[in-house]
Protein backbone atom coordinates (compact mmCIF):
# COMPACT_ATOMS: atom_id res chain seq x y z
CA MET A 1 202.33 218.00 130.52
CA ILE A 2 206.02 218.44 129.44
CA ARG A 3 206.85 220.95 132.28
CA GLY A 4 205.11 219.40 134.77
CA VAL A 5 201.67 219.96 137.54
CA LYS A 6 202.35 223.57 138.27
CA SER A 7 201.82 224.52 134.51
CA VAL A 8 198.74 222.40 134.12
CA GLY A 9 197.44 223.62 137.57
CA LYS A 10 197.48 226.70 135.75
CA ALA A 11 196.06 226.18 132.36
CA VAL A 12 192.82 224.25 134.11
CA TYR A 13 192.21 227.25 136.12
CA VAL A 14 191.72 229.20 132.86
CA THR A 15 190.08 227.03 130.69
CA ALA A 16 188.03 226.79 133.78
CA ILE A 17 186.99 230.10 134.64
CA LEU A 18 187.23 232.04 130.96
CA PRO A 19 183.55 230.86 130.17
CA TYR A 20 182.30 232.11 132.76
CA ILE A 21 183.91 235.06 132.61
CA LEU A 22 183.26 235.46 129.02
CA LEU A 23 179.57 234.53 129.54
CA ILE A 24 179.26 237.55 132.40
CA ILE A 25 181.01 240.06 129.64
CA ILE A 26 178.48 238.64 126.69
CA PHE A 27 175.22 238.61 129.32
CA ILE A 28 176.51 242.52 130.47
CA SER A 29 176.97 243.89 127.12
CA THR A 30 173.66 242.32 126.33
CA LEU A 31 171.95 244.22 128.76
CA ILE A 32 172.92 247.42 127.56
CA GLN A 33 171.87 247.08 124.28
CA PRO A 34 167.85 249.25 123.78
CA GLY A 35 164.92 247.67 124.19
CA ALA A 36 167.20 244.97 126.26
CA GLY A 37 164.34 245.46 129.88
CA SER A 38 161.34 245.07 127.42
CA GLY A 39 162.93 241.99 125.59
CA LEU A 40 163.20 240.40 129.42
CA LEU A 41 160.46 241.40 130.21
CA TYR A 42 158.17 239.96 127.47
CA TYR A 43 160.70 236.76 127.76
CA VAL A 44 159.61 236.09 132.06
CA THR A 45 155.96 237.24 131.66
CA PRO A 46 153.16 234.10 130.41
CA ASP A 47 151.02 234.94 127.79
CA PHE A 48 147.45 233.25 128.96
CA ARG A 49 145.80 233.47 125.98
CA LYS A 50 148.66 231.75 123.93
CA LEU A 51 148.43 229.03 126.56
CA GLN A 52 144.54 228.08 126.01
CA ASP A 53 144.96 227.71 122.37
CA VAL A 54 144.32 224.25 121.34
CA LYS A 55 147.88 224.04 119.05
CA VAL A 56 149.38 224.63 122.28
CA CYS A 57 147.68 221.97 124.21
CA SER A 58 148.44 219.32 120.35
CA ALA A 59 152.29 220.59 120.66
CA GLU A 60 152.77 219.39 123.84
CA SER A 61 151.28 216.07 124.13
CA THR A 62 153.22 214.97 121.13
CA ALA A 63 156.02 216.30 123.23
CA GLN A 64 155.66 214.30 126.14
CA THR A 65 154.60 211.21 123.92
CA VAL A 66 158.12 211.45 122.35
CA LEU A 67 159.49 212.42 125.93
CA ALA A 68 158.24 209.08 127.63
CA GLY A 69 159.21 207.44 124.28
CA PHE A 70 162.41 208.07 124.79
CA GLY A 71 162.52 207.49 128.23
CA GLY A 72 161.25 203.99 128.03
CA ARG A 73 164.19 203.35 124.89
CA ALA A 74 167.97 201.61 126.55
CA LEU A 75 170.52 204.10 124.55
């Protein structure tokens, strides 16, 4: 602020863009690791046998109840 609007503008450009650049670098370095392709495939492919389990349904209904409770409250 002491040096004026021009230096603050430059600082904003750096602080706004740098996190995205770092995230892209981390994402690319993660994709280069061995087994990254199979991990991504496991992540995006659903396992329907696990979705038919009763524990999953009960956990999901509990989560929905909690979320509905939070939605009804004024924070």
